[in-house]
């Protein structure tokens, strides 16, 4: 698998509260961003892989929903994660 539990722990530790905190919005957004980047690289080589393309679109939608939730809940946390992951709206 492309994403080992150790890598997930590093992502959650860097962006979440701890390595085991997989529920925070920041940790989930960071994990979705990592997966989106991985799928984008895959689709550059395999442009006819429509199942992966659909999965990518769904992941982007989930990340967008979490970002919208975070923006409504706490604007400072939203701005921090967008700046940290260099996302744009």
N, C-alpha and C. Protein backbone atom coordinates (compact mmCIF):
# COMPACT_ATOMS: atom_id res chain seq x y z
N UNK A 1 0.84 -1.18 0.00
CA UNK A 1 0.00 0.00 0.00
C UNK A 1 0.88 1.24 0.00
N UNK A 2 0.44 2.27 -0.64
CA UNK A 2 1.24 3.48 -0.79
C UNK A 2 1.32 4.30 0.49
N UNK A 3 0.44 4.07 1.43
CA UNK A 3 0.41 4.87 2.65
C UNK A 3 0.44 3.94 3.86
N UNK A 4 1.59 3.83 4.50
CA UNK A 4 1.73 2.95 5.66
C UNK A 4 1.20 3.64 6.91
N UNK A 5 0.91 2.87 7.94
CA UNK A 5 0.43 3.47 9.19
C UNK A 5 1.43 4.46 9.80
N UNK A 6 2.72 4.23 9.58
CA UNK A 6 3.72 5.15 10.09
C UNK A 6 3.62 6.51 9.39
N UNK A 7 3.41 6.48 8.07
CA UNK A 7 3.26 7.73 7.32
C UNK A 7 2.00 8.48 7.76
N UNK A 8 0.92 7.74 7.98
CA UNK A 8 -0.31 8.37 8.46
C UNK A 8 -0.06 9.02 9.82
N UNK A 9 0.66 8.32 10.68
CA UNK A 9 0.97 8.87 11.99
C UNK A 9 1.77 10.16 11.89
N UNK A 10 2.71 10.20 10.95
CA UNK A 10 3.50 11.42 10.75
C UNK A 10 2.61 12.58 10.29
N UNK A 11 1.69 12.28 9.36
CA UNK A 11 0.79 13.31 8.86
C UNK A 11 -0.09 13.84 9.99
N UNK A 12 -0.66 12.92 10.79
CA UNK A 12 -1.54 13.34 11.87
C UNK A 12 -0.76 14.07 12.96
N UNK A 13 0.47 13.66 13.21
CA UNK A 13 1.28 14.34 14.23
C UNK A 13 1.64 15.75 13.79
N UNK A 14 1.92 15.92 12.51
CA UNK A 14 2.31 17.23 12.01
C UNK A 14 1.13 18.19 11.94
N UNK A 15 -0.02 17.70 11.50
CA UNK A 15 -1.16 18.59 11.26
C UNK A 15 -2.26 18.47 12.31
N UNK A 16 -2.33 17.35 13.00
CA UNK A 16 -3.34 17.17 14.04
C UNK A 16 -2.77 17.46 15.40
N UNK A 17 -3.46 16.96 16.41
CA UNK A 17 -3.00 17.19 17.78
C UNK A 17 -1.95 16.17 18.20
N UNK A 18 -2.09 14.92 17.73
CA UNK A 18 -1.11 13.88 18.06
C UNK A 18 -1.10 12.87 16.92
N UNK A 19 -0.22 11.88 17.02
CA UNK A 19 -0.10 10.87 15.97
C UNK A 19 -1.33 9.98 15.91
N UNK A 20 -2.07 9.85 17.00
CA UNK A 20 -3.25 8.99 17.04
C UNK A 20 -4.54 9.77 16.78
N UNK A 21 -4.45 11.08 16.66
CA UNK A 21 -5.64 11.93 16.49
C UNK A 21 -6.03 11.98 15.01
N UNK A 22 -6.81 11.00 14.60
CA UNK A 22 -7.24 10.96 13.20
C UNK A 22 -8.58 11.64 12.98
N UNK A 23 -9.17 12.18 14.03
CA UNK A 23 -10.49 12.77 13.91
C UNK A 23 -10.50 14.27 13.70
N UNK A 24 -9.38 14.92 13.92
CA UNK A 24 -9.38 16.38 13.78
C UNK A 24 -9.52 16.75 12.31
N UNK A 25 -10.16 17.86 12.08
CA UNK A 25 -10.40 18.30 10.70
C UNK A 25 -9.08 18.57 9.98
N UNK A 26 -8.11 19.16 10.69
CA UNK A 26 -6.82 19.46 10.07
C UNK A 26 -6.10 18.18 9.64
N UNK A 27 -6.14 17.16 10.49
CA UNK A 27 -5.50 15.89 10.15
C UNK A 27 -6.15 15.22 8.95
N UNK A 28 -7.48 15.25 8.91
CA UNK A 28 -8.19 14.64 7.79
C UNK A 28 -7.93 15.40 6.50
N UNK A 29 -7.90 16.72 6.57
CA UNK A 29 -7.62 17.53 5.38
C UNK A 29 -6.22 17.24 4.86
N UNK A 30 -5.26 17.13 5.77
CA UNK A 30 -3.88 16.84 5.37
C UNK A 30 -3.79 15.45 4.74
N UNK A 31 -4.49 14.47 5.30
CA UNK A 31 -4.48 13.12 4.74
C UNK A 31 -5.13 13.11 3.36
N UNK A 32 -6.26 13.80 3.21
CA UNK A 32 -6.92 13.88 1.90
C UNK A 32 -6.01 14.55 0.89
N UNK A 33 -5.28 15.58 1.30
CA UNK A 33 -4.37 16.27 0.40
C UNK A 33 -3.27 15.33 -0.07
N UNK A 34 -2.72 14.54 0.84
CA UNK A 34 -1.69 13.57 0.48
C UNK A 34 -2.23 12.56 -0.53
N UNK A 35 -3.44 12.05 -0.28
CA UNK A 35 -4.05 11.08 -1.18
C UNK A 35 -4.37 11.70 -2.54
N UNK A 36 -4.82 12.95 -2.54
CA UNK A 36 -5.14 13.64 -3.80
C UNK A 36 -3.88 13.79 -4.64
N UNK A 37 -2.78 14.18 -4.01
CA UNK A 37 -1.52 14.31 -4.74
C UNK A 37 -1.08 12.98 -5.33
N UNK A 38 -1.24 11.90 -4.55
CA UNK A 38 -0.86 10.57 -5.04
C UNK A 38 -1.72 10.16 -6.25
N UNK A 39 -3.03 10.38 -6.16
CA UNK A 39 -3.91 10.00 -7.26
C UNK A 39 -3.68 10.87 -8.49
N UNK A 40 -3.32 12.12 -8.29
CA UNK A 40 -3.04 13.01 -9.41
C UNK A 40 -1.82 12.52 -10.18
N UNK A 41 -0.78 12.11 -9.45
CA UNK A 41 0.41 11.56 -10.11
C UNK A 41 0.06 10.30 -10.89
N UNK A 42 -0.78 9.46 -10.30
CA UNK A 42 -1.18 8.22 -10.97
C UNK A 42 -1.95 8.53 -12.25
N UNK A 43 -2.83 9.52 -12.20
CA UNK A 43 -3.65 9.83 -13.37
C UNK A 43 -2.84 10.49 -14.49
N UNK A 44 -1.72 11.12 -14.16
CA UNK A 44 -0.88 11.68 -15.21
C UNK A 44 -0.31 10.59 -16.10
N UNK A 45 -0.03 9.43 -15.51
CA UNK A 45 0.50 8.30 -16.29
C UNK A 45 -0.60 7.44 -16.88
N UNK A 46 -1.73 7.35 -16.20
CA UNK A 46 -2.83 6.47 -16.62
C UNK A 46 -4.09 7.30 -16.82
N UNK A 47 -4.13 8.06 -17.90
CA UNK A 47 -5.21 9.00 -18.10
C UNK A 47 -6.56 8.35 -18.42
N UNK A 48 -6.57 7.07 -18.74
CA UNK A 48 -7.84 6.39 -19.03
C UNK A 48 -8.40 5.63 -17.83
N UNK A 49 -7.81 5.79 -16.68
CA UNK A 49 -8.26 5.11 -15.47
C UNK A 49 -9.41 5.92 -14.87
N UNK A 50 -10.61 5.65 -15.31
CA UNK A 50 -11.77 6.45 -14.94
C UNK A 50 -12.23 6.19 -13.52
N UNK A 51 -11.99 4.99 -12.99
CA UNK A 51 -12.35 4.71 -11.60
C UNK A 51 -11.52 5.55 -10.65
N UNK A 52 -10.24 5.67 -10.94
CA UNK A 52 -9.38 6.51 -10.11
C UNK A 52 -9.76 7.97 -10.25
N UNK A 53 -10.14 8.37 -11.44
CA UNK A 53 -10.57 9.75 -11.66
C UNK A 53 -11.80 10.08 -10.83
N UNK A 54 -12.74 9.13 -10.78
CA UNK A 54 -13.94 9.33 -9.97
C UNK A 54 -13.58 9.41 -8.49
N UNK A 55 -12.68 8.55 -8.05
CA UNK A 55 -12.24 8.58 -6.65
C UNK A 55 -11.58 9.90 -6.32
N UNK A 56 -10.80 10.42 -7.24
CA UNK A 56 -10.13 11.69 -7.03
C UNK A 56 -11.14 12.82 -6.88
N UNK A 57 -12.15 12.83 -7.72
CA UNK A 57 -13.18 13.87 -7.65
C UNK A 57 -13.94 13.78 -6.32
N UNK A 58 -14.22 12.56 -5.87
CA UNK A 58 -14.90 12.38 -4.60
C UNK A 58 -14.05 12.86 -3.43
N UNK A 59 -12.75 12.57 -3.48
CA UNK A 59 -11.84 13.01 -2.42
C UNK A 59 -11.74 14.53 -2.37
N UNK A 60 -11.68 15.16 -3.52
CA UNK A 60 -11.62 16.62 -3.57
C UNK A 60 -12.90 17.20 -2.96
N UNK A 61 -14.03 16.58 -3.23
CA UNK A 61 -15.29 17.04 -2.65
C UNK A 61 -15.33 16.88 -1.14
N UNK A 62 -14.80 15.76 -0.63
CA UNK A 62 -14.75 15.55 0.82
C UNK A 62 -13.85 16.59 1.48
N UNK A 63 -12.70 16.84 0.85
CA UNK A 63 -11.78 17.83 1.41
C UNK A 63 -12.41 19.21 1.40
N UNK A 64 -13.12 19.54 0.31
CA UNK A 64 -13.79 20.83 0.22
C UNK A 64 -14.84 20.97 1.32
N UNK A 65 -15.58 19.89 1.58
CA UNK A 65 -16.60 19.92 2.63
C UNK A 65 -15.97 20.16 4.00
N UNK A 66 -14.85 19.48 4.27
CA UNK A 66 -14.17 19.69 5.54
C UNK A 66 -13.62 21.10 5.65
N UNK A 67 -13.09 21.63 4.56
CA UNK A 67 -12.59 23.00 4.58
C UNK A 67 -13.72 24.00 4.82
N UNK A 68 -14.88 23.77 4.21
CA UNK A 68 -16.03 24.64 4.43
C UNK A 68 -16.48 24.58 5.89
N UNK A 69 -16.51 23.36 6.45
CA UNK A 69 -16.87 23.19 7.86
C UNK A 69 -15.90 23.95 8.75
N UNK A 70 -14.61 23.81 8.48
CA UNK A 70 -13.61 24.47 9.30
C UNK A 70 -13.69 25.98 9.16
N UNK A 71 -14.01 26.46 7.97
CA UNK A 71 -14.13 27.90 7.76
C UNK A 71 -15.31 28.46 8.58
N UNK A 72 -16.41 27.73 8.64
CA UNK A 72 -17.57 28.19 9.41
C UNK A 72 -17.31 28.09 10.91
N UNK A 73 -16.58 27.04 11.31
CA UNK A 73 -16.35 26.78 12.72
C UNK A 73 -15.29 27.69 13.32
N UNK A 74 -14.13 27.78 12.65
CA UNK A 74 -13.01 28.56 13.19
C UNK A 74 -12.15 29.06 12.03
N UNK A 75 -12.27 30.32 11.72
CA UNK A 75 -11.59 30.90 10.56
C UNK A 75 -10.07 30.86 10.72
N UNK A 76 -9.58 31.02 11.93
CA UNK A 76 -8.12 31.02 12.15
C UNK A 76 -7.52 29.65 11.86
N UNK A 77 -8.19 28.59 12.30
CA UNK A 77 -7.71 27.24 12.00
C UNK A 77 -7.76 26.97 10.50
N UNK A 78 -8.82 27.45 9.85
CA UNK A 78 -8.96 27.30 8.41
C UNK A 78 -7.81 27.98 7.68
N UNK A 79 -7.53 29.22 8.03
CA UNK A 79 -6.44 29.96 7.38
C UNK A 79 -5.10 29.30 7.63
N UNK A 80 -4.90 28.76 8.84
CA UNK A 80 -3.64 28.11 9.16
C UNK A 80 -3.42 26.86 8.31
N UNK A 81 -4.44 26.03 8.16
CA UNK A 81 -4.27 24.78 7.40
C UNK A 81 -4.15 25.07 5.92
N UNK A 82 -4.86 26.07 5.42
CA UNK A 82 -4.75 26.43 4.00
C UNK A 82 -3.34 26.94 3.70
N UNK A 83 -2.81 27.74 4.60
CA UNK A 83 -1.46 28.27 4.41
C UNK A 83 -0.43 27.17 4.55
N UNK A 84 -0.61 26.29 5.51
CA UNK A 84 0.36 25.22 5.77
C UNK A 84 0.43 24.22 4.62
N UNK A 85 -0.72 23.89 4.05
CA UNK A 85 -0.76 22.93 2.95
C UNK A 85 -0.69 23.61 1.59
N UNK A 86 -0.61 24.92 1.59
CA UNK A 86 -0.60 25.75 0.39
C UNK A 86 -1.74 25.40 -0.55
N UNK A 87 -2.95 25.39 0.02
CA UNK A 87 -4.17 25.18 -0.76
C UNK A 87 -4.73 26.52 -1.14
N UNK A 88 -5.53 26.54 -2.13
CA UNK A 88 -6.19 27.79 -2.50
C UNK A 88 -7.64 27.49 -2.76
N UNK A 89 -8.46 28.50 -2.62
CA UNK A 89 -9.89 28.29 -2.80
C UNK A 89 -10.28 28.51 -4.23
